[in-house]
């Protein structure tokens, strides 16, 4: 894959993660139960939690925090 293609893939991924982050934040702010929210979007709970994990991992990466340091705190 050339540099241009890699850049496009990276931008698409960031847009996707940004959308997922917006959706998760919206659900949390409206205090909608996960089941109801997932049903309204036509996604499974597994998909919701997978997206949530990906958003959290991305945010940790952006902040320079490793996943292991976060797991150790829990």
PDB file of N, CA and C in Angstrom:
ATOM      1  N   UNK A   1       0.851  -1.177   0.000  1.00  0.00           N
ATOM      2  CA  UNK A   1       0.000   0.000   0.000  1.00  0.00           C
ATOM      3  C   UNK A   1       0.895   1.239   0.000  1.00  0.00           C
ATOM      4  N   UNK A   2       0.615   2.190  -0.907  1.00  0.00           N
ATOM      5  CA  UNK A   2       1.455   3.381  -0.990  1.00  0.00           C
ATOM      6  C   UNK A   2       1.040   4.411   0.073  1.00  0.00           C
ATOM      7  N   UNK A   3       1.822   5.485   0.182  1.00  0.00           N
ATOM      8  CA  UNK A   3       1.572   6.492   1.217  1.00  0.00           C
ATOM      9  C   UNK A   3       0.200   7.134   1.099  1.00  0.00           C
ATOM     10  N   UNK A   4      -0.218   7.406  -0.117  1.00  0.00           N
ATOM     11  CA  UNK A   4      -1.521   8.028  -0.344  1.00  0.00           C
ATOM     12  C   UNK A   4      -2.652   7.121   0.148  1.00  0.00           C
ATOM     13  N   UNK A   5      -2.554   5.843  -0.182  1.00  0.00           N
ATOM     14  CA  UNK A   5      -3.566   4.880   0.255  1.00  0.00           C
ATOM     15  C   UNK A   5      -3.572   4.747   1.769  1.00  0.00           C
ATOM     16  N   UNK A   6      -2.396   4.737   2.371  1.00  0.00           N
ATOM     17  CA  UNK A   6      -2.298   4.641   3.829  1.00  0.00           C
ATOM     18  C   UNK A   6      -2.922   5.858   4.496  1.00  0.00           C
ATOM     19  N   UNK A   7      -2.710   7.023   3.915  1.00  0.00           N
ATOM     20  CA  UNK A   7      -3.277   8.250   4.466  1.00  0.00           C
ATOM     21  C   UNK A   7      -4.803   8.217   4.385  1.00  0.00           C
ATOM     22  N   UNK A   8      -5.318   7.730   3.272  1.00  0.00           N
ATOM     23  CA  UNK A   8      -6.768   7.635   3.102  1.00  0.00           C
ATOM     24  C   UNK A   8      -7.363   6.675   4.122  1.00  0.00           C
ATOM     25  N   UNK A   9      -6.728   5.536   4.313  1.00  0.00           N
ATOM     26  CA  UNK A   9      -7.202   4.556   5.285  1.00  0.00           C
ATOM     27  C   UNK A   9      -7.184   5.161   6.694  1.00  0.00           C
ATOM     28  N   UNK A  10      -6.131   5.882   7.021  1.00  0.00           N
ATOM     29  CA  UNK A  10      -6.020   6.506   8.347  1.00  0.00           C
ATOM     30  C   UNK A  10      -7.114   7.541   8.564  1.00  0.00           C
ATOM     31  N   UNK A  11      -7.383   8.336   7.557  1.00  0.00           N
ATOM     32  CA  UNK A  11      -8.431   9.361   7.666  1.00  0.00           C
ATOM     33  C   UNK A  11      -9.799   8.696   7.825  1.00  0.00           C
ATOM     34  N   UNK A  12     -10.072   7.665   7.043  1.00  0.00           N
ATOM     35  CA  UNK A  12     -11.347   6.953   7.154  1.00  0.00           C
ATOM     36  C   UNK A  12     -11.526   6.384   8.558  1.00  0.00           C
ATOM     37  N   UNK A  13     -10.455   5.826   9.093  1.00  0.00           N
ATOM     38  CA  UNK A  13     -10.505   5.230  10.441  1.00  0.00           C
ATOM     39  C   UNK A  13     -10.799   6.310  11.480  1.00  0.00           C
ATOM     40  N   UNK A  14     -10.145   7.455  11.361  1.00  0.00           N
ATOM     41  CA  UNK A  14     -10.381   8.538  12.311  1.00  0.00           C
ATOM     42  C   UNK A  14     -11.808   9.065  12.226  1.00  0.00           C
ATOM     43  N   UNK A  15     -12.338   9.166  11.018  1.00  0.00           N
ATOM     44  CA  UNK A  15     -13.726   9.613  10.833  1.00  0.00           C
ATOM     45  C   UNK A  15     -14.674   8.602  11.474  1.00  0.00           C
ATOM     46  N   UNK A  16     -14.414   7.327  11.245  1.00  0.00           N
ATOM     47  CA  UNK A  16     -15.240   6.271  11.819  1.00  0.00           C
ATOM     48  C   UNK A  16     -15.200   6.317  13.345  1.00  0.00           C
ATOM     49  N   UNK A  17     -14.018   6.432  13.902  1.00  0.00           N
ATOM     50  CA  UNK A  17     -13.880   6.497  15.359  1.00  0.00           C
ATOM     51  C   UNK A  17     -14.537   7.741  15.932  1.00  0.00           C
ATOM     52  N   UNK A  18     -14.439   8.837  15.226  1.00  0.00           N
ATOM     53  CA  UNK A  18     -15.074  10.076  15.658  1.00  0.00           C
ATOM     54  C   UNK A  18     -16.593   9.913  15.701  1.00  0.00           C
ATOM     55  N   UNK A  19     -17.153   9.264  14.699  1.00  0.00           N
ATOM     56  CA  UNK A  19     -18.600   9.014  14.660  1.00  0.00           C
ATOM     57  C   UNK A  19     -19.012   8.097  15.803  1.00  0.00           C
ATOM     58  N   UNK A  20     -18.252   7.043  16.037  1.00  0.00           N
ATOM     59  CA  UNK A  20     -18.563   6.140  17.137  1.00  0.00           C
ATOM     60  C   UNK A  20     -18.485   6.872  18.468  1.00  0.00           C
ATOM     61  N   UNK A  21     -17.472   7.721  18.621  1.00  0.00           N
ATOM     62  CA  UNK A  21     -17.330   8.482  19.858  1.00  0.00           C
ATOM     63  C   UNK A  21     -18.549   9.383  20.075  1.00  0.00           C
ATOM     64  N   UNK A  22     -19.005  10.031  19.009  1.00  0.00           N
ATOM     65  CA  UNK A  22     -20.179  10.896  19.097  1.00  0.00           C
ATOM     66  C   UNK A  22     -21.407  10.088  19.515  1.00  0.00           C
ATOM     67  N   UNK A  23     -21.567   8.916  18.923  1.00  0.00           N
ATOM     68  CA  UNK A  23     -22.712   8.070  19.247  1.00  0.00           C
ATOM     69  C   UNK A  23     -22.680   7.616  20.708  1.00  0.00           C
ATOM     70  N   UNK A  24     -21.526   7.178  21.171  1.00  0.00           N
ATOM     71  CA  UNK A  24     -21.389   6.719  22.556  1.00  0.00           C
ATOM     72  C   UNK A  24     -21.682   7.867  23.517  1.00  0.00           C
ATOM     73  N   UNK A  25     -21.130   9.022  23.231  1.00  0.00           N
ATOM     74  CA  UNK A  25     -21.348  10.188  24.080  1.00  0.00           C
ATOM     75  C   UNK A  25     -22.832  10.569  24.109  1.00  0.00           C
ATOM     76  N   UNK A  26     -23.470  10.533  22.954  1.00  0.00           N
ATOM     77  CA  UNK A  26     -24.893  10.847  22.858  1.00  0.00           C
ATOM     78  C   UNK A  26     -25.715   9.889  23.720  1.00  0.00           C
ATOM     79  N   UNK A  27     -25.411   8.594  23.619  1.00  0.00           N
ATOM     80  CA  UNK A  27     -26.138   7.593  24.407  1.00  0.00           C
ATOM     81  C   UNK A  27     -25.955   7.835  25.887  1.00  0.00           C
ATOM     82  N   UNK A  28     -24.724   8.126  26.292  1.00  0.00           N
ATOM     83  CA  UNK A  28     -24.437   8.349  27.703  1.00  0.00           C
ATOM     84  C   UNK A  28     -25.113   9.612  28.221  1.00  0.00           C
ATOM     85  N   UNK A  29     -25.072  10.685  27.439  1.00  0.00           N
ATOM     86  CA  UNK A  29     -25.683  11.944  27.869  1.00  0.00           C
ATOM     87  C   UNK A  29     -27.196  11.816  28.004  1.00  0.00           C
ATOM     88  N   UNK A  30     -27.810  11.055  27.115  1.00  0.00           N
ATOM     89  CA  UNK A  30     -29.259  10.882  27.150  1.00  0.00           C
ATOM     90  C   UNK A  30     -29.681   9.776  28.118  1.00  0.00           C
ATOM     91  N   UNK A  31     -28.690   9.093  28.678  1.00  0.00           N
ATOM     92  CA  UNK A  31     -28.928   8.012  29.645  1.00  0.00           C
ATOM     93  C   UNK A  31     -29.875   6.952  29.102  1.00  0.00           C
ATOM     94  N   UNK A  32     -29.687   6.630  27.820  1.00  0.00           N
ATOM     95  CA  UNK A  32     -30.491   5.596  27.176  1.00  0.00           C
ATOM     96  C   UNK A  32     -29.863   4.238  27.503  1.00  0.00           C
ATOM     97  N   UNK A  33     -30.664   3.275  27.926  1.00  0.00           N
ATOM     98  CA  UNK A  33     -30.103   1.935  28.169  1.00  0.00           C
ATOM     99  C   UNK A  33     -29.452   1.388  26.892  1.00  0.00           C
ATOM    100  N   UNK A  34     -28.365   0.659  27.064  1.00  0.00           N
ATOM    101  CA  UNK A  34     -27.622   0.125  25.919  1.00  0.00           C
ATOM    102  C   UNK A  34     -28.529  -0.705  25.020  1.00  0.00           C
ATOM    103  N   UNK A  35     -29.372  -1.558  25.611  1.00  0.00           N
ATOM    104  CA  UNK A  35     -30.274  -2.402  24.807  1.00  0.00           C
ATOM    105  C   UNK A  35     -31.153  -1.566  23.881  1.00  0.00           C
ATOM    106  N   UNK A  36     -31.784  -0.547  24.447  1.00  0.00           N
ATOM    107  CA  UNK A  36     -32.701   0.292  23.669  1.00  0.00           C
ATOM    108  C   UNK A  36     -31.945   1.076  22.601  1.00  0.00           C
ATOM    109  N   UNK A  37     -30.802   1.594  22.964  1.00  0.00           N
ATOM    110  CA  UNK A  37     -30.013   2.390  22.023  1.00  0.00           C
ATOM    111  C   UNK A  37     -29.542   1.534  20.850  1.00  0.00           C
ATOM    112  N   UNK A  38     -29.072   0.326  21.163  1.00  0.00           N
ATOM    113  CA  UNK A  38     -28.604  -0.582  20.112  1.00  0.00           C
ATOM    114  C   UNK A  38     -29.759  -0.956  19.178  1.00  0.00           C
ATOM    115  N   UNK A  39     -30.918  -1.218  19.753  1.00  0.00           N
ATOM    116  CA  UNK A  39     -32.085  -1.562  18.936  1.00  0.00           C
ATOM    117  C   UNK A  39     -32.452  -0.416  18.002  1.00  0.00           C
ATOM    118  N   UNK A  40     -32.334   0.815  18.481  1.00  0.00           N
ATOM    119  CA  UNK A  40     -32.692   1.970  17.645  1.00  0.00           C
ATOM    120  C   UNK A  40     -31.733   2.143  16.473  1.00  0.00           C
ATOM    121  N   UNK A  41     -30.491   1.690  16.637  1.00  0.00           N
ATOM    122  CA  UNK A  41     -29.501   1.779  15.561  1.00  0.00           C
ATOM    123  C   UNK A  41     -29.412   0.504  14.739  1.00  0.00           C
ATOM    124  N   UNK A  42     -30.056  -0.543  15.227  1.00  0.00           N
ATOM    125  CA  UNK A  42     -29.994  -1.819  14.518  1.00  0.00           C
ATOM    126  C   UNK A  42     -28.656  -2.512  14.652  1.00  0.00           C
ATOM    127  N   UNK A  43     -28.003  -2.326  15.814  1.00  0.00           N
ATOM    128  CA  UNK A  43     -26.720  -2.997  16.065  1.00  0.00           C
ATOM    129  C   UNK A  43     -26.845  -3.864  17.309  1.00  0.00           C
ATOM    130  N   UNK A  44     -25.960  -4.832  17.453  1.00  0.00           N
ATOM    131  CA  UNK A  44     -25.968  -5.699  18.632  1.00  0.00           C
ATOM    132  C   UNK A  44     -25.222  -5.023  19.782  1.00  0.00           C
ATOM    133  N   UNK A  45     -25.471  -5.529  20.981  1.00  0.00           N
ATOM    134  CA  UNK A  45     -24.730  -5.017  22.137  1.00  0.00           C
ATOM    135  C   UNK A  45     -23.238  -5.279  21.971  1.00  0.00           C
ATOM    136  N   UNK A  46     -22.899  -6.418  21.382  1.00  0.00           N
ATOM    137  CA  UNK A  46     -21.499  -6.735  21.142  1.00  0.00           C
ATOM    138  C   UNK A  46     -20.831  -5.698  20.259  1.00  0.00           C
ATOM    139  N   UNK A  47     -21.545  -5.256  19.224  1.00  0.00           N
ATOM    140  CA  UNK A  47     -21.020  -4.217  18.335  1.00  0.00           C
ATOM    141  C   UNK A  47     -20.818  -2.921  19.110  1.00  0.00           C
ATOM    142  N   UNK A  48     -21.799  -2.565  19.948  1.00  0.00           N
ATOM    143  CA  UNK A  48     -21.674  -1.348  20.751  1.00  0.00           C
ATOM    144  C   UNK A  48     -20.428  -1.405  21.632  1.00  0.00           C
ATOM    145  N   UNK A  49     -20.261  -2.500  22.363  1.00  0.00           N
ATOM    146  CA  UNK A  49     -19.126  -2.587  23.279  1.00  0.00           C
ATOM    147  C   UNK A  49     -17.789  -2.694  22.545  1.00  0.00           C
ATOM    148  N   UNK A  50     -17.791  -3.301  21.372  1.00  0.00           N
ATOM    149  CA  UNK A  50     -16.565  -3.356  20.564  1.00  0.00           C
ATOM    150  C   UNK A  50     -16.182  -1.944  20.103  1.00  0.00           C
ATOM    151  N   UNK A  51     -17.181  -1.182  19.656  1.00  0.00           N
ATOM    152  CA  UNK A  51     -16.917   0.192  19.246  1.00  0.00           C
ATOM    153  C   UNK A  51     -16.452   1.039  20.432  1.00  0.00           C
ATOM    154  N   UNK A  52     -17.086   0.857  21.568  1.00  0.00           N
ATOM    155  CA  UNK A  52     -16.691   1.590  22.770  1.00  0.00           C
ATOM    156  C   UNK A  52     -15.235   1.296  23.119  1.00  0.00           C
ATOM    157  N   UNK A  53     -14.851   0.013  23.044  1.00  0.00           N
ATOM    158  CA  UNK A  53     -13.464  -0.368  23.334  1.00  0.00           C
ATOM    159  C   UNK A  53     -12.514   0.287  22.341  1.00  0.00           C
ATOM    160  N   UNK A  54     -12.874   0.272  21.060  1.00  0.00           N
ATOM    161  CA  UNK A  54     -12.017   0.875  20.032  1.00  0.00           C
ATOM    162  C   UNK A  54     -11.859   2.376  20.263  1.00  0.00           C
ATOM    163  N   UNK A  55     -12.946   3.048  20.626  1.00  0.00           N
ATOM    164  CA  UNK A  55     -12.876   4.486  20.906  1.00  0.00           C
ATOM    165  C   UNK A  55     -11.971   4.738  22.102  1.00  0.00           C
ATOM    166  N   UNK A  56     -12.124   3.953  23.151  1.00  0.00           N
ATOM    167  CA  UNK A  56     -11.273   4.125  24.341  1.00  0.00           C
ATOM    168  C   UNK A  56      -9.809   3.876  24.019  1.00  0.00           C
ATOM    169  N   UNK A  57      -9.534   2.833  23.243  1.00  0.00           N
ATOM    170  CA  UNK A  57      -8.151   2.541  22.860  1.00  0.00           C
ATOM    171  C   UNK A  57      -7.567   3.693  22.051  1.00  0.00           C
ATOM    172  N   UNK A  58      -8.361   4.227  21.131  1.00  0.00           N
ATOM    173  CA  UNK A  58      -7.893   5.340  20.310  1.00  0.00           C
ATOM    174  C   UNK A  58      -7.614   6.568  21.173  1.00  0.00           C
ATOM    175  N   UNK A  59      -8.504   6.858  22.102  1.00  0.00           N
ATOM    176  CA  UNK A  59      -8.316   8.017  22.975  1.00  0.00           C
ATOM    177  C   UNK A  59      -7.066   7.838  23.838  1.00  0.00           C
ATOM    178  N   UNK A  60      -6.844   6.649  24.335  1.00  0.00           N
ATOM    179  CA  UNK A  60      -5.623   6.378  25.113  1.00  0.00           C
ATOM    180  C   UNK A  60      -4.387   6.598  24.256  1.00  0.00           C
ATOM    181  N   UNK A  61      -4.452   6.126  23.018  1.00  0.00           N
ATOM    182  CA  UNK A  61      -3.329   6.303  22.091  1.00  0.00           C
ATOM    183  C   UNK A  61      -3.066   7.790  21.869  1.00  0.00           C
ATOM    184  N   UNK A  62      -4.128   8.560  21.667  1.00  0.00           N
ATOM    185  CA  UNK A  62      -3.985   9.996  21.432  1.00  0.00           C
ATOM    186  C   UNK A  62      -3.399  10.704  22.648  1.00  0.00           C
ATOM    187  N   UNK A  63      -3.706  10.201  23.824  1.00  0.00           N
ATOM    188  CA  UNK A  63      -3.214  10.817  25.061  1.00  0.00           C
ATOM    189  C   UNK A  63      -1.863  10.255  25.482  1.00  0.00           C
ATOM    190  N   UNK A  64      -1.380   9.254  24.772  1.00  0.00           N
ATOM    191  CA  UNK A  64      -0.090   8.657  25.099  1.00  0.00           C
ATOM    192  C   UNK A  64      -0.147   7.732  26.298  1.00  0.00           C
ATOM    193  N   UNK A  65      -1.325   7.171  26.570  1.00  0.00           N
ATOM    194  CA  UNK A  65      -1.511   6.252  27.689  1.00  0.00           C
ATOM    195  C   UNK A  65      -1.586   4.845  27.129  1.00  0.00           C
ATOM    196  N   UNK A  66      -0.814   3.939  27.691  1.00  0.00           N
ATOM    197  CA  UNK A  66      -0.851   2.568  27.195  1.00  0.00           C
ATOM    198  C   UNK A  66      -2.054   1.836  27.775  1.00  0.00           C
ATOM    199  N   UNK A  67      -2.538   0.842  27.026  1.00  0.00           N
ATOM    200  CA  UNK A  67      -3.665   0.039  27.505  1.00  0.00           C
ATOM    201  C   UNK A  67      -3.295  -0.680  28.801  1.00  0.00           C
ATOM    202  N   UNK A  68      -2.076  -1.129  28.899  1.00  0.00           N
ATOM    203  CA  UNK A  68      -1.662  -1.875  30.081  1.00  0.00           C
ATOM    204  C   UNK A  68      -1.718  -1.012  31.335  1.00  0.00           C
ATOM    205  N   UNK A  69      -1.343   0.260  31.228  1.00  0.00           N
ATOM    206  CA  UNK A  69      -1.385   1.116  32.413  1.00  0.00           C
ATOM    207  C   UNK A  69      -2.825   1.349  32.840  1.00  0.00           C
ATOM    208  N   UNK A  70      -3.736   1.415  31.890  1.00  0.00           N
ATOM    209  CA  UNK A  70      -5.154   1.578  32.207  1.00  0.00           C
ATOM    210  C   UNK A  70      -5.697   0.304  32.866  1.00  0.00           C
ATOM    211  N   UNK A  71      -5.308  -0.855  32.332  1.00  0.00           N
ATOM    212  CA  UNK A  71      -5.774  -2.122  32.892  1.00  0.00           C
ATOM    213  C   UNK A  71      -5.244  -2.332  34.314  1.00  0.00           C
ATOM    214  N   UNK A  72      -4.033  -1.914  34.573  1.00  0.00           N
ATOM    215  CA  UNK A  72      -3.455  -2.069  35.906  1.00  0.00           C
ATOM    216  C   UNK A  72      -4.195  -1.258  36.960  1.00  0.00           C
ATOM    217  N   UNK A  73      -4.716  -0.102  36.562  1.00  0.00           N
ATOM    218  CA  UNK A  73      -5.434   0.760  37.498  1.00  0.00           C
ATOM    219  C   UNK A  73      -6.763   0.161  37.906  1.00  0.00           C
ATOM    220  N   UNK A  74      -7.398  -0.560  36.963  1.00  0.00           N
ATOM    221  CA  UNK A  74      -8.740  -1.110  37.185  1.00  0.00           C
ATOM    222  C   UNK A  74      -8.719  -2.163  38.202  1.00  0.00           C
TER     223      UNK A  74
END
